[in-house]
């Protein structure tokens, strides 16, 4: 089956945070693979993940707007959206880096 993705995936294990509810709620998870257009996230409770959220990658100190596109038992697939999905660092990043 040919690859349907437009951008190449990079396998990785990065600790990330799903940020939602006007930045009042945070869930820890890991990125299994990532590309410029989306990612596969691994987390124990996929049922609580909202349809749209911000994905914060502490190691890169950046946020991405993300939309849930695939749901499995222990992982989800997300698509980054907006022309420039990567957002500028937030001046209050330390609140997410605990």
N, C-alpha and C. Protein backbone atom coordinates (compact mmCIF):
# COMPACT_ATOMS: atom_id res chain seq x y z
N UNK A 1 0.84 -1.18 0.00
CA UNK A 1 0.00 0.00 0.00
C UNK A 1 0.89 1.24 0.00
N UNK A 2 0.70 2.16 -0.92
CA UNK A 2 1.53 3.35 -0.98
C UNK A 2 1.29 4.28 0.21
N UNK A 3 2.31 5.00 0.57
CA UNK A 3 2.24 5.95 1.67
C UNK A 3 1.33 7.13 1.29
N UNK A 4 0.34 7.42 2.13
CA UNK A 4 -0.62 8.49 1.84
C UNK A 4 -0.21 9.84 2.42
N UNK A 5 0.76 9.85 3.30
CA UNK A 5 1.18 11.10 3.93
C UNK A 5 1.92 11.99 2.93
N UNK A 6 1.74 13.30 3.10
CA UNK A 6 2.41 14.26 2.22
C UNK A 6 3.82 14.58 2.71
N UNK A 7 4.07 14.38 3.99
CA UNK A 7 5.39 14.68 4.53
C UNK A 7 5.94 13.46 5.25
N UNK A 8 7.25 13.33 5.24
CA UNK A 8 7.91 12.17 5.80
C UNK A 8 7.82 12.15 7.33
N UNK A 9 7.50 10.96 7.88
CA UNK A 9 7.43 10.78 9.32
C UNK A 9 8.83 10.53 9.88
N UNK A 10 9.07 10.99 11.07
CA UNK A 10 10.31 10.73 11.79
C UNK A 10 9.94 10.00 13.07
N UNK A 11 10.48 8.79 13.25
CA UNK A 11 10.23 8.04 14.49
C UNK A 11 11.00 8.68 15.62
N UNK A 12 10.34 8.79 16.77
CA UNK A 12 10.95 9.44 17.92
C UNK A 12 10.19 9.04 19.17
N UNK A 13 10.76 9.32 20.29
CA UNK A 13 10.03 9.25 21.56
C UNK A 13 10.32 10.57 22.27
N UNK A 14 9.37 11.47 22.18
CA UNK A 14 9.47 12.77 22.84
C UNK A 14 8.35 12.90 23.85
N UNK A 15 8.66 13.38 25.03
CA UNK A 15 7.62 13.70 26.00
C UNK A 15 6.93 14.97 25.57
N UNK A 16 5.61 14.94 25.48
CA UNK A 16 4.84 16.11 25.07
C UNK A 16 3.64 16.29 25.98
N UNK A 17 2.97 17.41 25.82
CA UNK A 17 1.79 17.71 26.62
C UNK A 17 0.65 18.13 25.70
N UNK A 18 -0.52 17.56 25.95
CA UNK A 18 -1.75 17.98 25.28
C UNK A 18 -2.36 19.06 26.16
N UNK A 19 -2.54 20.25 25.61
CA UNK A 19 -3.01 21.40 26.37
C UNK A 19 -4.36 21.83 25.78
N UNK A 20 -5.38 21.95 26.64
CA UNK A 20 -6.72 22.30 26.17
C UNK A 20 -7.48 23.02 27.27
N UNK A 21 -8.74 23.33 27.01
CA UNK A 21 -9.60 24.00 27.98
C UNK A 21 -9.01 25.36 28.35
N UNK A 22 -8.69 26.17 27.31
CA UNK A 22 -8.09 27.49 27.52
C UNK A 22 -6.82 27.42 28.37
N UNK A 23 -6.03 26.39 28.12
CA UNK A 23 -4.76 26.13 28.81
C UNK A 23 -4.94 25.86 30.31
N UNK A 24 -6.12 25.41 30.68
CA UNK A 24 -6.38 25.05 32.08
C UNK A 24 -6.18 23.56 32.32
N UNK A 25 -6.15 22.75 31.25
CA UNK A 25 -6.00 21.29 31.39
C UNK A 25 -4.81 20.82 30.57
N UNK A 26 -4.05 19.88 31.16
CA UNK A 26 -2.85 19.36 30.52
C UNK A 26 -2.81 17.85 30.71
N UNK A 27 -2.46 17.12 29.64
CA UNK A 27 -2.27 15.67 29.70
C UNK A 27 -0.88 15.35 29.18
N UNK A 28 -0.14 14.51 29.91
CA UNK A 28 1.18 14.07 29.45
C UNK A 28 1.03 12.90 28.50
N UNK A 29 1.88 12.86 27.47
CA UNK A 29 1.90 11.74 26.54
C UNK A 29 3.25 11.73 25.85
N UNK A 30 3.41 10.86 24.87
CA UNK A 30 4.66 10.76 24.11
C UNK A 30 4.34 10.75 22.63
N UNK A 31 5.27 11.29 21.84
CA UNK A 31 5.16 11.25 20.39
C UNK A 31 5.89 10.01 19.90
N UNK A 32 5.20 9.18 19.14
CA UNK A 32 5.83 7.98 18.56
C UNK A 32 6.48 8.31 17.22
N UNK A 33 5.79 9.13 16.42
CA UNK A 33 6.39 9.64 15.19
C UNK A 33 5.76 10.99 14.88
N UNK A 34 6.50 11.79 14.12
CA UNK A 34 6.06 13.15 13.84
C UNK A 34 6.51 13.55 12.44
N UNK A 35 5.73 14.41 11.82
CA UNK A 35 6.08 15.01 10.53
C UNK A 35 5.69 16.48 10.61
N UNK A 36 5.89 17.18 9.52
CA UNK A 36 5.51 18.60 9.52
C UNK A 36 4.00 18.79 9.50
N UNK A 37 3.25 17.72 9.19
CA UNK A 37 1.80 17.85 9.10
C UNK A 37 1.03 17.12 10.19
N UNK A 38 1.69 16.32 11.04
CA UNK A 38 0.96 15.61 12.08
C UNK A 38 1.86 14.72 12.91
N UNK A 39 1.21 13.94 13.80
CA UNK A 39 1.97 13.09 14.71
C UNK A 39 1.12 11.92 15.19
N UNK A 40 1.80 10.90 15.70
CA UNK A 40 1.14 9.79 16.38
C UNK A 40 1.54 9.88 17.84
N UNK A 41 0.54 10.00 18.73
CA UNK A 41 0.77 10.18 20.15
C UNK A 41 0.36 8.93 20.91
N UNK A 42 1.14 8.58 21.93
CA UNK A 42 0.85 7.42 22.77
C UNK A 42 0.50 7.94 24.16
N UNK A 43 -0.64 7.47 24.69
CA UNK A 43 -1.06 7.85 26.03
C UNK A 43 -2.01 6.81 26.59
N UNK A 44 -2.07 6.69 27.92
CA UNK A 44 -2.89 5.64 28.53
C UNK A 44 -4.40 5.84 28.40
N UNK A 45 -4.86 7.08 28.36
CA UNK A 45 -6.30 7.34 28.32
C UNK A 45 -6.64 8.19 27.11
N UNK A 46 -6.90 7.55 25.98
CA UNK A 46 -7.20 8.29 24.75
C UNK A 46 -8.62 8.83 24.71
N UNK A 47 -9.49 8.35 25.58
CA UNK A 47 -10.89 8.78 25.54
C UNK A 47 -11.10 10.21 26.01
N UNK A 48 -10.18 10.73 26.82
CA UNK A 48 -10.34 12.08 27.36
C UNK A 48 -9.77 13.16 26.44
N UNK A 49 -9.15 12.79 25.35
CA UNK A 49 -8.52 13.76 24.45
C UNK A 49 -9.58 14.51 23.66
N UNK A 50 -9.56 15.85 23.71
CA UNK A 50 -10.54 16.62 22.93
C UNK A 50 -10.24 16.55 21.44
N UNK A 51 -11.18 16.95 20.62
CA UNK A 51 -11.01 16.91 19.16
C UNK A 51 -9.97 17.91 18.67
N UNK A 52 -9.81 19.04 19.34
CA UNK A 52 -8.81 20.03 18.99
C UNK A 52 -8.09 20.47 20.25
N UNK A 53 -6.78 20.69 20.12
CA UNK A 53 -5.97 21.06 21.28
C UNK A 53 -4.65 21.63 20.80
N UNK A 54 -3.85 22.08 21.75
CA UNK A 54 -2.48 22.50 21.48
C UNK A 54 -1.56 21.38 21.92
N UNK A 55 -0.55 21.10 21.13
CA UNK A 55 0.45 20.10 21.48
C UNK A 55 1.72 20.84 21.82
N UNK A 56 2.19 20.69 23.06
CA UNK A 56 3.40 21.38 23.49
C UNK A 56 4.55 20.39 23.55
N UNK A 57 5.65 20.71 22.88
CA UNK A 57 6.85 19.88 22.88
C UNK A 57 7.92 20.63 23.67
N UNK A 58 8.11 20.27 24.96
CA UNK A 58 9.06 21.01 25.80
C UNK A 58 10.49 21.03 25.24
N UNK A 59 10.95 19.91 24.68
CA UNK A 59 12.32 19.85 24.17
C UNK A 59 12.55 20.86 23.06
N UNK A 60 11.52 21.13 22.27
CA UNK A 60 11.61 22.11 21.17
C UNK A 60 11.07 23.47 21.58
N UNK A 61 10.46 23.55 22.75
CA UNK A 61 9.86 24.77 23.27
C UNK A 61 8.89 25.40 22.27
N UNK A 62 7.97 24.57 21.74
CA UNK A 62 7.00 25.09 20.77
C UNK A 62 5.65 24.40 20.93
N UNK A 63 4.64 25.09 20.47
CA UNK A 63 3.27 24.59 20.45
C UNK A 63 2.85 24.35 19.00
N UNK A 64 1.95 23.39 18.82
CA UNK A 64 1.31 23.15 17.53
C UNK A 64 -0.19 23.09 17.77
N UNK A 65 -0.97 23.68 16.88
CA UNK A 65 -2.42 23.46 16.89
C UNK A 65 -2.64 22.07 16.31
N UNK A 66 -3.43 21.24 16.96
CA UNK A 66 -3.63 19.87 16.49
C UNK A 66 -5.10 19.50 16.49
N UNK A 67 -5.45 18.60 15.58
CA UNK A 67 -6.81 18.09 15.47
C UNK A 67 -6.74 16.57 15.46
N UNK A 68 -7.59 15.93 16.27
CA UNK A 68 -7.66 14.48 16.35
C UNK A 68 -8.23 13.93 15.05
N UNK A 69 -7.50 13.00 14.41
CA UNK A 69 -8.00 12.42 13.16
C UNK A 69 -8.13 10.91 13.23
N UNK A 70 -7.43 10.27 14.16
CA UNK A 70 -7.50 8.81 14.29
C UNK A 70 -7.43 8.45 15.77
N UNK A 71 -8.20 7.48 16.17
CA UNK A 71 -8.29 7.09 17.57
C UNK A 71 -8.13 5.58 17.69
N UNK A 72 -7.14 5.13 18.44
CA UNK A 72 -6.92 3.72 18.71
C UNK A 72 -6.90 3.54 20.22
N UNK A 73 -6.70 2.31 20.69
CA UNK A 73 -6.80 2.06 22.13
C UNK A 73 -5.76 2.80 22.96
N UNK A 74 -4.50 2.82 22.54
CA UNK A 74 -3.46 3.48 23.32
C UNK A 74 -2.73 4.58 22.55
N UNK A 75 -3.23 4.92 21.38
CA UNK A 75 -2.59 6.00 20.63
C UNK A 75 -3.61 6.74 19.78
N UNK A 76 -3.23 7.95 19.41
CA UNK A 76 -4.09 8.77 18.55
C UNK A 76 -3.24 9.35 17.42
N UNK A 77 -3.88 9.63 16.32
CA UNK A 77 -3.24 10.34 15.22
C UNK A 77 -3.78 11.76 15.19
N UNK A 78 -2.89 12.73 15.05
CA UNK A 78 -3.31 14.12 15.00
C UNK A 78 -2.74 14.79 13.76
N UNK A 79 -3.47 15.77 13.28
CA UNK A 79 -3.03 16.58 12.15
C UNK A 79 -2.80 17.99 12.67
N UNK A 80 -1.68 18.56 12.28
CA UNK A 80 -1.43 19.95 12.61
C UNK A 80 -2.17 20.80 11.60
N UNK A 81 -2.83 21.86 12.05
CA UNK A 81 -3.58 22.69 11.13
C UNK A 81 -3.21 24.15 11.26
N UNK A 82 -3.66 24.93 10.32
CA UNK A 82 -3.28 26.32 10.04
C UNK A 82 -2.09 26.28 9.10
N UNK A 83 -1.94 27.30 8.33
CA UNK A 83 -0.83 27.35 7.38
C UNK A 83 0.50 27.25 8.12
N UNK A 84 0.60 27.92 9.25
CA UNK A 84 1.81 27.84 10.07
C UNK A 84 1.39 27.22 11.39
N UNK A 85 1.42 25.90 11.47
CA UNK A 85 0.93 25.20 12.65
C UNK A 85 1.79 25.47 13.88
N UNK A 86 3.04 25.71 13.68
CA UNK A 86 3.94 25.93 14.80
C UNK A 86 3.75 27.36 15.32
N UNK A 87 3.47 27.48 16.61
CA UNK A 87 3.24 28.79 17.20
C UNK A 87 4.50 29.26 17.92
N UNK A 88 4.60 30.54 18.11
CA UNK A 88 5.73 31.11 18.84
C UNK A 88 5.71 30.66 20.30
N UNK A 89 6.88 30.55 20.91
CA UNK A 89 6.93 30.17 22.32
C UNK A 89 6.12 31.12 23.19
N UNK A 90 5.46 30.56 24.15
CA UNK A 90 4.66 31.32 25.10
C UNK A 90 5.58 31.83 26.20
N UNK A 91 5.43 33.07 26.65
CA UNK A 91 6.29 33.59 27.71
C UNK A 91 6.09 32.87 29.04
N UNK A 92 5.00 32.12 29.19
CA UNK A 92 4.71 31.42 30.43
C UNK A 92 4.93 29.91 30.29
N UNK A 93 5.89 29.49 29.46
CA UNK A 93 6.11 28.07 29.21
C UNK A 93 6.42 27.28 30.46
N UNK A 94 7.03 27.90 31.44
CA UNK A 94 7.43 27.16 32.63
C UNK A 94 6.24 26.49 33.32
N UNK A 95 5.04 27.00 33.15
CA UNK A 95 3.89 26.39 33.79
C UNK A 95 3.60 25.00 33.22
N UNK A 96 4.09 24.68 32.01
CA UNK A 96 3.88 23.38 31.40
C UNK A 96 5.09 22.45 31.55
N UNK A 97 6.17 22.93 32.10
CA UNK A 97 7.41 22.16 32.14
C UNK A 97 7.67 21.51 33.49
N UNK A 98 6.65 21.08 34.17
CA UNK A 98 6.85 20.42 35.45
C UNK A 98 6.89 18.93 35.29
